[in-house]
Amino acid sequence: MSTRGQKTDDITSDLDGVVCQPSRMASSSIIKQLVVCHRAARFKKLRGEAATKPLPSERGFTLIELVIVVTLVVVLMAVFFNRALFYLEQAEKTAMEQVAGSIQSALTMQYGQILTRGKSSDVAALAQDNPMNWMQKKPRNYSGEFYDPTPLAVESGNWMFDLKTRELVYVVRTANYFKPGSDGKKWIRFHVMVNHEKSRLPSLQNAPPELTGILFEPVEPYSWF
């Protein structure tokens, strides 16, 4: 019994840092204790691997994920840029039409003054005048008077007056949705149109056509949006 007890005292187990020193007990108890120690060592090893393994949030992007993100960013930027140009061109068209509307209002006032003075013969001279002269304040994008200019004569987005044709010209800046007239140039030419109509009164059927109005309108149709 003493020799067997001595052997029992010398049985130890060192499993991955977990030291098991069985005490003096029956062989079955020693085996159970060694099994428990083995399980404890295995649990400690698994816990250490879990602690050193990086979490999913710490791994960073893979190459495929990075390509997908870059592609989405490029697509969104392209869509945003396209819509920004669309709204920018719409704003330009609106600003151009506002200036044209102001010129029409000034022309109507000039026409009314001529009728009030009874000088209808002055209407022909009014039709040949530079419409910008009727404005109390010329727009900032008015570049002045030119003789037989081209679209490159002024910066795009500006107005100019053609001394040869006596027409007011607007040079389009952003023309993605603009379809020019028959000349194919990216500008819009305006002129003063004097309207005459024959009288409906039977006694004036042989009389010359009467002056019925004056308009500031494009020389030829164009399409913008």
C-alpha atoms as a PDB file:
ATOM      1  CA  MET A   1       0.000   0.000   0.000  1.00  0.00           C
ATOM      2  CA  SER A   2       2.869   2.394   0.770  1.00  0.00           C
ATOM      3  CA  THR A   3       4.486   1.795  -2.615  1.00  0.00           C
ATOM      4  CA  ARG A   4       1.187   2.304  -4.403  1.00  0.00           C
ATOM      5  CA  GLY A   5       0.573   5.433  -2.386  1.00  0.00           C
ATOM      6  CA  GLN A   6       4.015   6.690  -3.316  1.00  0.00           C
ATOM      7  CA  LYS A   7       3.234   6.243  -7.013  1.00  0.00           C
ATOM      8  CA  THR A   8      -0.017   8.087  -6.560  1.00  0.00           C
ATOM      9  CA  ASP A   9       1.828  11.042  -5.026  1.00  0.00           C
ATOM     10  CA  ASP A  10       4.102  11.315  -8.069  1.00  0.00           C
ATOM     11  CA  ILE A  11       1.301  11.421 -10.691  1.00  0.00           C
ATOM     12  CA  THR A  12       1.005  14.956 -12.080  1.00  0.00           C
ATOM     13  CA  SER A  13      -0.431  16.494 -15.218  1.00  0.00           C
ATOM     14  CA  ASP A  14       0.638  19.723 -16.915  1.00  0.00           C
ATOM     15  CA  LEU A  15      -1.822  20.481 -19.727  1.00  0.00           C
ATOM     16  CA  ASP A  16      -1.203  23.802 -21.424  1.00  0.00           C
ATOM     17  CA  GLY A  17      -0.288  25.582 -18.231  1.00  0.00           C
ATOM     18  CA  VAL A  18      -2.921  23.894 -16.068  1.00  0.00           C
ATOM     19  CA  VAL A  19      -1.059  21.812 -13.481  1.00  0.00           C
ATOM     20  CA  CYS A  20      -2.969  18.949 -11.921  1.00  0.00           C
ATOM     21  CA  GLN A  21      -1.528  17.421  -8.750  1.00  0.00           C
ATOM     22  CA  PRO A  22      -3.727  14.534  -7.719  1.00  0.00           C
ATOM     23  CA  SER A  23      -3.971  13.894  -4.051  1.00  0.00           C
ATOM     24  CA  ARG A  24      -3.958  10.500  -2.350  1.00  0.00           C
ATOM     25  CA  MET A  25      -7.181   8.899  -3.417  1.00  0.00           C
ATOM     26  CA  ALA A  26      -8.476   5.948  -5.351  1.00  0.00           C
ATOM     27  CA  SER A  27      -7.451   5.353  -8.940  1.00  0.00           C
ATOM     28  CA  SER A  28     -10.938   6.175 -10.259  1.00  0.00           C
ATOM     29  CA  SER A  29     -10.858   9.523  -8.499  1.00  0.00           C
ATOM     30  CA  ILE A  30      -7.431  10.283  -9.965  1.00  0.00           C
ATOM     31  CA  ILE A  31      -8.707   9.582 -13.480  1.00  0.00           C
ATOM     32  CA  LYS A  32     -11.732  11.811 -12.962  1.00  0.00           C
ATOM     33  CA  GLN A  33      -9.498  14.615 -11.723  1.00  0.00           C
ATOM     34  CA  LEU A  34      -7.207  14.295 -14.764  1.00  0.00           C
ATOM     35  CA  VAL A  35     -10.221  14.445 -17.114  1.00  0.00           C
ATOM     36  CA  VAL A  36     -11.420  17.613 -15.406  1.00  0.00           C
ATOM     37  CA  CYS A  37      -7.946  19.136 -15.706  1.00  0.00           C
ATOM     38  CA  HIS A  38      -7.806  18.226 -19.397  1.00  0.00           C
ATOM     39  CA  ARG A  39     -11.141  19.902 -20.042  1.00  0.00           C
ATOM     40  CA  ALA A  40     -10.016  23.019 -18.161  1.00  0.00           C
ATOM     41  CA  ALA A  41      -6.829  23.211 -20.242  1.00  0.00           C
ATOM     42  CA  ARG A  42      -8.771  22.838 -23.477  1.00  0.00           C
ATOM     43  CA  PHE A  43     -11.239  25.549 -22.442  1.00  0.00           C
ATOM     44  CA  LYS A  44      -8.349  27.885 -21.628  1.00  0.00           C
ATOM     45  CA  LYS A  45      -6.784  27.264 -25.052  1.00  0.00           C
ATOM     46  CA  LEU A  46     -10.054  27.928 -26.886  1.00  0.00           C
ATOM     47  CA  ARG A  47     -10.633  31.131 -24.900  1.00  0.00           C
ATOM     48  CA  GLY A  48      -7.147  32.346 -25.816  1.00  0.00           C
ATOM     49  CA  GLU A  49      -7.776  31.742 -29.534  1.00  0.00           C
ATOM     50  CA  ALA A  50     -11.073  33.599 -29.331  1.00  0.00           C
ATOM     51  CA  ALA A  51      -9.388  36.574 -27.667  1.00  0.00           C
ATOM     52  CA  THR A  52      -6.716  36.861 -30.348  1.00  0.00           C
ATOM     53  CA  LYS A  53      -9.095  36.329 -33.331  1.00  0.00           C
ATOM     54  CA  PRO A  54     -10.106  39.708 -34.861  1.00  0.00           C
ATOM     55  CA  LEU A  55     -13.753  40.690 -34.769  1.00  0.00           C
ATOM     56  CA  PRO A  56     -15.627  41.136 -38.089  1.00  0.00           C
ATOM     57  CA  SER A  57     -15.644  44.923 -37.576  1.00  0.00           C
ATOM     58  CA  GLU A  58     -11.865  44.930 -37.135  1.00  0.00           C
ATOM     59  CA  ARG A  59     -11.004  43.074 -40.332  1.00  0.00           C
ATOM     60  CA  GLY A  60     -11.381  46.108 -42.684  1.00  0.00           C
ATOM     61  CA  PHE A  61     -12.558  46.040 -46.313  1.00  0.00           C
ATOM     62  CA  THR A  62     -11.914  43.181 -48.665  1.00  0.00           C
ATOM     63  CA  LEU A  63     -10.985  43.964 -52.275  1.00  0.00           C
ATOM     64  CA  ILE A  64     -14.473  43.136 -53.562  1.00  0.00           C
ATOM     65  CA  GLU A  65     -16.137  45.310 -50.921  1.00  0.00           C
ATOM     66  CA  LEU A  66     -13.811  48.191 -51.762  1.00  0.00           C
ATOM     67  CA  VAL A  67     -14.580  47.896 -55.490  1.00  0.00           C
ATOM     68  CA  ILE A  68     -18.335  47.895 -54.776  1.00  0.00           C
ATOM     69  CA  VAL A  69     -18.079  50.990 -52.565  1.00  0.00           C
ATOM     70  CA  VAL A  70     -15.993  52.888 -55.122  1.00  0.00           C
ATOM     71  CA  THR A  71     -18.423  51.950 -57.912  1.00  0.00           C
ATOM     72  CA  LEU A  72     -21.416  53.177 -55.911  1.00  0.00           C
ATOM     73  CA  VAL A  73     -19.678  56.449 -55.108  1.00  0.00           C
ATOM     74  CA  VAL A  74     -18.815  57.032 -58.780  1.00  0.00           C
ATOM     75  CA  VAL A  75     -22.401  56.279 -59.891  1.00  0.00           C
ATOM     76  CA  LEU A  76     -23.892  58.613 -57.271  1.00  0.00           C
ATOM     77  CA  MET A  77     -21.483  61.386 -58.210  1.00  0.00           C
ATOM     78  CA  ALA A  78     -22.367  61.003 -61.898  1.00  0.00           C
ATOM     79  CA  VAL A  79     -26.104  61.191 -61.145  1.00  0.00           C
ATOM     80  CA  PHE A  80     -25.622  64.214 -58.900  1.00  0.00           C
ATOM     81  CA  PHE A  81     -23.453  65.995 -61.480  1.00  0.00           C
ATOM     82  CA  ASN A  82     -25.985  65.340 -64.253  1.00  0.00           C
ATOM     83  CA  ARG A  83     -28.883  66.690 -62.183  1.00  0.00           C
ATOM     84  CA  ALA A  84     -26.825  69.711 -61.133  1.00  0.00           C
ATOM     85  CA  LEU A  85     -26.195  70.577 -64.799  1.00  0.00           C
ATOM     86  CA  PHE A  86     -29.906  70.099 -65.540  1.00  0.00           C
ATOM     87  CA  TYR A  87     -31.003  72.563 -62.852  1.00  0.00           C
ATOM     88  CA  LEU A  88     -28.215  74.965 -63.778  1.00  0.00           C
ATOM     89  CA  GLU A  89     -29.418  75.069 -67.372  1.00  0.00           C
ATOM     90  CA  GLN A  90     -33.009  75.563 -66.250  1.00  0.00           C
ATOM     91  CA  ALA A  91     -31.906  78.508 -64.102  1.00  0.00           C
ATOM     92  CA  GLU A  92     -30.108  80.033 -67.090  1.00  0.00           C
ATOM     93  CA  LYS A  93     -33.212  79.718 -69.280  1.00  0.00           C
ATOM     94  CA  THR A  94     -35.366  81.304 -66.569  1.00  0.00           C
ATOM     95  CA  ALA A  95     -32.951  84.235 -66.179  1.00  0.00           C
ATOM     96  CA  MET A  96     -32.895  84.789 -69.964  1.00  0.00           C
ATOM     97  CA  GLU A  97     -36.693  84.783 -70.140  1.00  0.00           C
ATOM     98  CA  GLN A  98     -36.896  87.271 -67.267  1.00  0.00           C
ATOM     99  CA  VAL A  99     -34.686  89.721 -69.172  1.00  0.00           C
ATOM    100  CA  ALA A 100     -36.770  89.211 -72.335  1.00  0.00           C
ATOM    101  CA  GLY A 101     -39.945  89.836 -70.318  1.00  0.00           C
ATOM    102  CA  SER A 102     -38.505  93.047 -68.855  1.00  0.00           C
ATOM    103  CA  ILE A 103     -37.611  94.241 -72.366  1.00  0.00           C
ATOM    104  CA  GLN A 104     -41.142  93.521 -73.554  1.00  0.00           C
ATOM    105  CA  SER A 105     -42.546  95.563 -70.661  1.00  0.00           C
ATOM    106  CA  ALA A 106     -40.215  98.473 -71.468  1.00  0.00           C
ATOM    107  CA  LEU A 107     -41.174  98.254 -75.143  1.00  0.00           C
ATOM    108  CA  THR A 108     -44.875  98.404 -74.256  1.00  0.00           C
ATOM    109  CA  MET A 109     -44.275 101.555 -72.234  1.00  0.00           C
ATOM    110  CA  GLN A 110     -42.379 103.137 -75.142  1.00  0.00           C
ATOM    111  CA  TYR A 111     -45.173 102.198 -77.505  1.00  0.00           C
ATOM    112  CA  GLY A 112     -47.769 103.699 -75.172  1.00  0.00           C
ATOM    113  CA  GLN A 113     -45.869 106.978 -75.011  1.00  0.00           C
ATOM    114  CA  ILE A 114     -45.722 107.143 -78.816  1.00  0.00           C
ATOM    115  CA  LEU A 115     -49.488 106.625 -79.094  1.00  0.00           C
ATOM    116  CA  THR A 116     -50.118 109.200 -76.393  1.00  0.00           C
ATOM    117  CA  ARG A 117     -48.134 111.820 -78.323  1.00  0.00           C
ATOM    118  CA  GLY A 118     -49.883 110.824 -81.558  1.00  0.00           C
ATOM    119  CA  LYS A 119     -46.578 110.085 -83.255  1.00  0.00           C
ATOM    120  CA  SER A 120     -47.222 106.650 -84.716  1.00  0.00           C
ATOM    121  CA  SER A 121     -44.494 107.288 -87.272  1.00  0.00           C
ATOM    122  CA  ASP A 122     -41.953 106.907 -84.455  1.00  0.00           C
ATOM    123  CA  VAL A 123     -42.792 103.213 -84.124  1.00  0.00           C
ATOM    124  CA  ALA A 124     -40.519 102.328 -87.062  1.00  0.00           C
ATOM    125  CA  ALA A 125     -37.607 104.036 -85.345  1.00  0.00           C
ATOM    126  CA  LEU A 126     -38.463 102.237 -82.111  1.00  0.00           C
ATOM    127  CA  ALA A 127     -38.264  98.891 -83.921  1.00  0.00           C
ATOM    128  CA  GLN A 128     -34.703  99.687 -85.049  1.00  0.00           C
ATOM    129  CA  ASP A 129     -33.477 100.870 -81.669  1.00  0.00           C
ATOM    130  CA  ASN A 130     -31.385  98.833 -79.236  1.00  0.00           C
ATOM    131  CA  PRO A 131     -33.902  97.378 -76.748  1.00  0.00           C
ATOM    132  CA  MET A 132     -31.355  97.733 -73.937  1.00  0.00           C
ATOM    133  CA  ASN A 133     -31.722 101.504 -74.249  1.00  0.00           C
ATOM    134  CA  TRP A 134     -35.273 101.232 -72.911  1.00  0.00           C
ATOM    135  CA  MET A 135     -34.174  99.565 -69.688  1.00  0.00           C
ATOM    136  CA  GLN A 136     -33.726 101.702 -66.580  1.00  0.00           C
ATOM    137  CA  LYS A 137     -30.859  99.416 -65.615  1.00  0.00           C
ATOM    138  CA  LYS A 138     -29.103  97.148 -68.079  1.00  0.00           C
ATOM    139  CA  PRO A 139     -28.464  93.560 -66.945  1.00  0.00           C
ATOM    140  CA  ARG A 140     -24.967  92.681 -65.796  1.00  0.00           C
ATOM    141  CA  ASN A 141     -24.537  90.133 -68.567  1.00  0.00           C
ATOM    142  CA  TYR A 142     -25.043  92.697 -71.339  1.00  0.00           C
ATOM    143  CA  SER A 143     -21.766  93.035 -73.273  1.00  0.00           C
ATOM    144  CA  GLY A 144     -22.636  95.934 -75.601  1.00  0.00           C
ATOM    145  CA  GLU A 145     -23.058  96.535 -79.337  1.00  0.00           C
ATOM    146  CA  PHE A 146     -21.229  94.617 -82.091  1.00  0.00           C
ATOM    147  CA  TYR A 147     -21.361  94.682 -85.860  1.00  0.00           C
ATOM    148  CA  ASP A 148     -22.169  91.281 -87.374  1.00  0.00           C
ATOM    149  CA  PRO A 149     -20.894  89.301 -84.365  1.00  0.00           C
ATOM    150  CA  THR A 150     -20.412  85.565 -83.929  1.00  0.00           C
ATOM    151  CA  PRO A 151     -21.233  83.518 -80.800  1.00  0.00           C
ATOM    152  CA  LEU A 152     -17.561  83.803 -79.844  1.00  0.00           C
ATOM    153  CA  ALA A 153     -17.698  87.606 -79.804  1.00  0.00           C
ATOM    154  CA  VAL A 154     -18.833  87.587 -76.168  1.00  0.00           C
ATOM    155  CA  GLU A 155     -18.685  85.200 -73.260  1.00  0.00           C
ATOM    156  CA  SER A 156     -21.435  82.602 -73.248  1.00  0.00           C
ATOM    157  CA  GLY A 157     -24.384  83.517 -71.078  1.00  0.00           C
ATOM    158  CA  ASN A 158     -24.263  87.190 -72.188  1.00  0.00           C
ATOM    159  CA  TRP A 159     -26.424  89.517 -74.271  1.00  0.00           C
ATOM    160  CA  MET A 160     -25.216  91.661 -77.190  1.00  0.00           C
ATOM    161  CA  PHE A 161     -26.793  93.885 -79.841  1.00  0.00           C
ATOM    162  CA  ASP A 162     -26.089  93.224 -83.522  1.00  0.00           C
ATOM    163  CA  LEU A 163     -25.728  96.588 -85.281  1.00  0.00           C
ATOM    164  CA  LYS A 164     -26.024  94.982 -88.717  1.00  0.00           C
ATOM    165  CA  THR A 165     -29.351  93.177 -88.253  1.00  0.00           C
ATOM    166  CA  ARG A 166     -30.604  95.391 -85.394  1.00  0.00           C
ATOM    167  CA  GLU A 167     -31.274  92.297 -83.304  1.00  0.00           C
ATOM    168  CA  LEU A 168     -30.616  91.565 -79.643  1.00  0.00           C
ATOM    169  CA  VAL A 169     -28.735  88.283 -79.188  1.00  0.00           C
ATOM    170  CA  TYR A 170     -28.389  85.974 -76.198  1.00  0.00           C
ATOM    171  CA  VAL A 171     -25.492  83.471 -76.313  1.00  0.00           C
ATOM    172  CA  VAL A 172     -26.442  80.242 -74.522  1.00  0.00           C
ATOM    173  CA  ARG A 173     -23.958  79.006 -71.922  1.00  0.00           C
ATOM    174  CA  THR A 174     -25.233  75.504 -71.071  1.00  0.00           C
ATOM    175  CA  ALA A 175     -26.863  73.957 -74.147  1.00  0.00           C
ATOM    176  CA  ASN A 176     -27.360  70.284 -73.269  1.00  0.00           C
ATOM    177  CA  TYR A 177     -31.130  70.644 -73.782  1.00  0.00           C
ATOM    178  CA  PHE A 178     -31.026  73.475 -76.314  1.00  0.00           C
ATOM    179  CA  LYS A 179     -31.882  73.045 -80.011  1.00  0.00           C
ATOM    180  CA  PRO A 180     -30.820  76.054 -82.084  1.00  0.00           C
ATOM    181  CA  GLY A 181     -32.548  77.522 -85.097  1.00  0.00           C
ATOM    182  CA  SER A 182     -31.716  77.038 -88.751  1.00  0.00           C
ATOM    183  CA  ASP A 183     -28.233  78.572 -88.430  1.00  0.00           C
ATOM    184  CA  GLY A 184     -27.235  75.852 -85.935  1.00  0.00           C
ATOM    185  CA  LYS A 185     -25.571  78.322 -83.553  1.00  0.00           C
ATOM    186  CA  LYS A 186     -26.036  78.268 -79.815  1.00  0.00           C
ATOM    187  CA  TRP A 187     -27.704  81.656 -79.503  1.00  0.00           C
ATOM    188  CA  ILE A 188     -31.183  83.178 -79.529  1.00  0.00           C
ATOM    189  CA  ARG A 189     -31.797  86.260 -81.661  1.00  0.00           C
ATOM    190  CA  PHE A 190     -34.620  88.669 -80.752  1.00  0.00           C
ATOM    191  CA  HIS A 191     -36.111  91.536 -82.729  1.00  0.00           C
ATOM    192  CA  VAL A 192     -38.948  94.016 -82.435  1.00  0.00           C
ATOM    193  CA  MET A 193     -41.947  92.978 -84.519  1.00  0.00           C
ATOM    194  CA  VAL A 194     -44.446  95.676 -85.466  1.00  0.00           C
ATOM    195  CA  ASN A 195     -47.930  94.329 -86.180  1.00  0.00           C
ATOM    196  CA  HIS A 196     -50.315  95.927 -88.691  1.00  0.00           C
ATOM    197  CA  GLU A 197     -53.816  94.767 -89.519  1.00  0.00           C
ATOM    198  CA  LYS A 198     -56.481  95.962 -91.871  1.00  0.00           C
ATOM    199  CA  SER A 199     -59.431  97.690 -90.302  1.00  0.00           C
ATOM    200  CA  ARG A 200     -62.655  95.713 -89.951  1.00  0.00           C
ATOM    201  CA  LEU A 201     -64.786  98.768 -90.608  1.00  0.00           C
ATOM    202  CA  PRO A 202     -66.371  98.743 -94.084  1.00  0.00           C
ATOM    203  CA  SER A 203     -65.518 102.400 -94.641  1.00  0.00           C
ATOM    204  CA  LEU A 204     -61.800 101.720 -94.057  1.00  0.00           C
ATOM    205  CA  GLN A 205     -61.367  98.597 -96.153  1.00  0.00           C
ATOM    206  CA  ASN A 206     -59.267 100.476 -98.704  1.00  0.00           C
ATOM    207  CA  ALA A 207     -57.224 102.243 -96.018  1.00  0.00           C
ATOM    208  CA  PRO A 208     -53.644 101.173 -95.188  1.00  0.00           C
ATOM    209  CA  PRO A 209     -53.255  98.560 -92.441  1.00  0.00           C
ATOM    210  CA  GLU A 210     -53.482 100.003 -88.966  1.00  0.00           C
ATOM    211  CA  LEU A 211     -50.836  99.672 -86.271  1.00  0.00           C
ATOM    212  CA  THR A 212     -52.146  97.141 -83.754  1.00  0.00           C
ATOM    213  CA  GLY A 213     -49.179  96.325 -81.551  1.00  0.00           C
ATOM    214  CA  ILE A 214     -45.464  95.782 -81.115  1.00  0.00           C
ATOM    215  CA  LEU A 215     -43.722  92.693 -79.751  1.00  0.00           C
ATOM    216  CA  PHE A 216     -40.245  91.645 -78.678  1.00  0.00           C
ATOM    217  CA  GLU A 217     -39.901  88.076 -79.902  1.00  0.00           C
ATOM    218  CA  PRO A 218     -37.361  85.531 -81.263  1.00  0.00           C
ATOM    219  CA  VAL A 219     -36.389  85.883 -84.906  1.00  0.00           C
ATOM    220  CA  GLU A 220     -37.008  82.146 -85.418  1.00  0.00           C
ATOM    221  CA  PRO A 221     -38.378  79.379 -83.199  1.00  0.00           C
ATOM    222  CA  TYR A 222     -36.036  77.471 -80.907  1.00  0.00           C
ATOM    223  CA  SER A 223     -36.406  74.623 -78.453  1.00  0.00           C
ATOM    224  CA  TRP A 224     -35.008  74.683 -74.925  1.00  0.00           C
ATOM    225  CA  PHE A 225     -36.211  71.832 -72.724  1.00  0.00           C
END
